[in-house]
Amino acid sequence: MHARVTGVVIEDDAILLLDQGTEGTRSWSLPGGKVENGETLEEALVGLGQVGCGDVCPPGLVWR
């Protein structure tokens, strides 16, 4: 089984959405993706946030 994570980034009453650039009906989504083997959920969420959002999701910005 493969795990995925999705993050919600809220700043100034706005929610961050990423433009996936797809041709289909779903082009905007929350940042997230697949959890790699040996990676914790927190590591995956922060890592994917940094890749997709730059400095919007700095390390340690994970709430439970």
N, C-alpha and C. Protein backbone atom coordinates (compact mmCIF):
# COMPACT_ATOMS: atom_id res chain seq x y z
N MET A 1 0.84 -1.18 0.00
CA MET A 1 0.00 0.00 0.00
C MET A 1 0.89 1.24 0.00
N HIS A 2 0.49 2.27 -0.73
CA HIS A 2 1.23 3.52 -0.80
C HIS A 2 0.46 4.59 -0.04
N ALA A 3 1.20 5.40 0.71
CA ALA A 3 0.58 6.50 1.46
C ALA A 3 0.82 7.81 0.72
N ARG A 4 -0.13 8.72 0.87
CA ARG A 4 -0.01 10.06 0.31
C ARG A 4 -0.31 11.06 1.40
N VAL A 5 0.24 12.26 1.26
CA VAL A 5 -0.04 13.33 2.20
C VAL A 5 -0.57 14.54 1.43
N THR A 6 -1.37 15.34 2.13
CA THR A 6 -1.89 16.58 1.57
C THR A 6 -1.82 17.63 2.66
N GLY A 7 -1.36 18.82 2.31
CA GLY A 7 -1.24 19.90 3.29
C GLY A 7 -2.18 21.04 2.96
N VAL A 8 -2.56 21.75 4.01
CA VAL A 8 -3.38 22.95 3.85
C VAL A 8 -2.57 24.11 4.42
N VAL A 9 -2.27 25.09 3.58
CA VAL A 9 -1.53 26.27 3.99
C VAL A 9 -2.49 27.45 3.96
N ILE A 10 -2.70 28.07 5.13
CA ILE A 10 -3.61 29.21 5.23
C ILE A 10 -2.81 30.41 5.72
N GLU A 11 -2.92 31.50 4.98
CA GLU A 11 -2.24 32.74 5.37
C GLU A 11 -3.13 33.91 4.95
N ASP A 12 -3.34 34.83 5.88
CA ASP A 12 -4.18 36.01 5.61
C ASP A 12 -5.54 35.62 5.03
N ASP A 13 -6.17 34.61 5.62
CA ASP A 13 -7.50 34.14 5.20
C ASP A 13 -7.53 33.61 3.77
N ALA A 14 -6.38 33.20 3.22
CA ALA A 14 -6.32 32.62 1.89
C ALA A 14 -5.74 31.21 1.99
N ILE A 15 -6.23 30.30 1.16
CA ILE A 15 -5.75 28.92 1.13
C ILE A 15 -4.87 28.76 -0.11
N LEU A 16 -3.68 28.17 0.09
CA LEU A 16 -2.75 27.95 -1.01
C LEU A 16 -3.24 26.78 -1.87
N LEU A 17 -3.38 27.02 -3.17
CA LEU A 17 -3.68 25.98 -4.15
C LEU A 17 -2.60 26.01 -5.21
N LEU A 18 -2.24 24.83 -5.72
CA LEU A 18 -1.23 24.72 -6.77
C LEU A 18 -1.91 24.45 -8.10
N ASP A 19 -1.47 25.15 -9.13
CA ASP A 19 -1.98 24.92 -10.48
C ASP A 19 -1.22 23.74 -11.07
N GLN A 20 -1.91 22.63 -11.25
CA GLN A 20 -1.27 21.42 -11.76
C GLN A 20 -1.03 21.46 -13.26
N GLY A 21 -1.62 22.43 -13.93
CA GLY A 21 -1.40 22.58 -15.36
C GLY A 21 -1.93 21.43 -16.19
N THR A 22 -2.98 20.78 -15.72
CA THR A 22 -3.55 19.66 -16.47
C THR A 22 -4.58 20.16 -17.47
N GLU A 23 -4.84 19.36 -18.45
CA GLU A 23 -5.83 19.71 -19.47
C GLU A 23 -7.25 19.35 -19.02
N GLY A 24 -7.37 18.53 -17.99
CA GLY A 24 -8.68 18.07 -17.55
C GLY A 24 -9.43 19.08 -16.71
N THR A 25 -10.47 18.61 -16.05
CA THR A 25 -11.32 19.49 -15.24
C THR A 25 -10.69 19.83 -13.90
N ARG A 26 -9.71 19.05 -13.44
CA ARG A 26 -9.07 19.29 -12.15
C ARG A 26 -7.68 19.85 -12.38
N SER A 27 -7.52 21.17 -12.26
CA SER A 27 -6.19 21.72 -12.46
C SER A 27 -5.62 22.34 -11.19
N TRP A 28 -6.45 22.64 -10.20
CA TRP A 28 -5.99 23.23 -8.94
C TRP A 28 -6.10 22.20 -7.83
N SER A 29 -5.08 22.15 -6.96
CA SER A 29 -5.13 21.19 -5.86
C SER A 29 -4.32 21.69 -4.67
N LEU A 30 -4.53 21.05 -3.54
CA LEU A 30 -3.71 21.32 -2.36
C LEU A 30 -2.34 20.69 -2.56
N PRO A 31 -1.29 21.26 -1.95
CA PRO A 31 0.04 20.65 -2.08
C PRO A 31 0.09 19.28 -1.41
N GLY A 32 0.77 18.34 -2.04
CA GLY A 32 0.90 17.00 -1.46
C GLY A 32 1.48 16.03 -2.47
N GLY A 33 1.49 14.76 -2.09
CA GLY A 33 2.01 13.73 -2.98
C GLY A 33 2.33 12.45 -2.25
N LYS A 34 3.10 11.60 -2.89
CA LYS A 34 3.41 10.26 -2.39
C LYS A 34 4.47 10.31 -1.29
N VAL A 35 4.30 9.45 -0.29
CA VAL A 35 5.29 9.27 0.78
C VAL A 35 6.28 8.21 0.31
N GLU A 36 7.56 8.57 0.30
CA GLU A 36 8.60 7.64 -0.14
C GLU A 36 8.92 6.64 0.96
N ASN A 37 9.46 5.47 0.60
CA ASN A 37 9.85 4.45 1.58
C ASN A 37 10.84 5.04 2.58
N GLY A 38 10.63 4.78 3.85
CA GLY A 38 11.51 5.24 4.90
C GLY A 38 11.26 6.67 5.34
N GLU A 39 10.31 7.35 4.74
CA GLU A 39 10.01 8.74 5.04
C GLU A 39 8.82 8.80 6.00
N THR A 40 8.88 9.68 7.01
CA THR A 40 7.73 9.86 7.88
C THR A 40 6.70 10.73 7.16
N LEU A 41 5.48 10.72 7.66
CA LEU A 41 4.43 11.56 7.07
C LEU A 41 4.81 13.04 7.15
N GLU A 42 5.37 13.44 8.30
CA GLU A 42 5.78 14.82 8.49
C GLU A 42 6.88 15.21 7.49
N GLU A 43 7.88 14.34 7.32
CA GLU A 43 8.96 14.61 6.37
C GLU A 43 8.43 14.75 4.95
N ALA A 44 7.52 13.86 4.59
CA ALA A 44 6.94 13.91 3.24
C ALA A 44 6.16 15.19 3.03
N LEU A 45 5.36 15.58 4.00
CA LEU A 45 4.54 16.78 3.86
C LEU A 45 5.40 18.03 3.72
N VAL A 46 6.41 18.16 4.58
CA VAL A 46 7.28 19.34 4.51
C VAL A 46 8.09 19.32 3.22
N GLY A 47 8.63 18.16 2.85
CA GLY A 47 9.43 18.06 1.62
C GLY A 47 8.62 18.37 0.38
N LEU A 48 7.43 17.83 0.29
CA LEU A 48 6.58 18.10 -0.88
C LEU A 48 6.12 19.56 -0.89
N GLY A 49 5.90 20.11 0.29
CA GLY A 49 5.52 21.52 0.37
C GLY A 49 6.63 22.41 -0.13
N GLN A 50 7.86 22.09 0.22
CA GLN A 50 8.99 22.89 -0.23
C GLN A 50 9.19 22.77 -1.74
N VAL A 51 9.01 21.58 -2.27
CA VAL A 51 9.17 21.39 -3.72
C VAL A 51 8.07 22.14 -4.47
N GLY A 52 6.84 22.02 -4.01
CA GLY A 52 5.73 22.63 -4.73
C GLY A 52 5.50 24.09 -4.44
N CYS A 53 5.95 24.56 -3.27
CA CYS A 53 5.58 25.90 -2.83
C CYS A 53 6.77 26.78 -2.49
N GLY A 54 7.97 26.31 -2.65
CA GLY A 54 9.13 27.11 -2.27
C GLY A 54 9.20 27.28 -0.77
N ASP A 55 9.38 28.50 -0.32
CA ASP A 55 9.55 28.76 1.11
C ASP A 55 8.24 28.91 1.87
N VAL A 56 7.12 28.64 1.22
CA VAL A 56 5.82 28.76 1.90
C VAL A 56 5.72 27.75 3.04
N CYS A 57 6.32 26.59 2.88
CA CYS A 57 6.24 25.52 3.88
C CYS A 57 7.64 25.25 4.45
N PRO A 58 8.15 26.11 5.31
CA PRO A 58 9.49 25.88 5.85
C PRO A 58 9.54 24.66 6.75
N PRO A 59 10.72 24.05 6.93
CA PRO A 59 10.83 22.89 7.84
C PRO A 59 10.29 23.22 9.21
N GLY A 60 9.58 22.28 9.79
CA GLY A 60 9.01 22.46 11.12
C GLY A 60 7.61 23.04 11.12
N LEU A 61 7.10 23.40 9.93
CA LEU A 61 5.77 23.99 9.86
C LEU A 61 4.74 22.88 9.65
N VAL A 62 4.61 22.03 10.65
CA VAL A 62 3.66 20.93 10.60
C VAL A 62 2.89 20.90 11.91
N TRP A 63 1.59 20.99 11.83
CA TRP A 63 0.74 20.90 13.02
C TRP A 63 -0.02 19.59 12.99
N ARG A 64 -0.27 19.08 14.17
CA ARG A 64 -1.07 17.83 14.27
C ARG A 64 -2.38 18.12 14.92
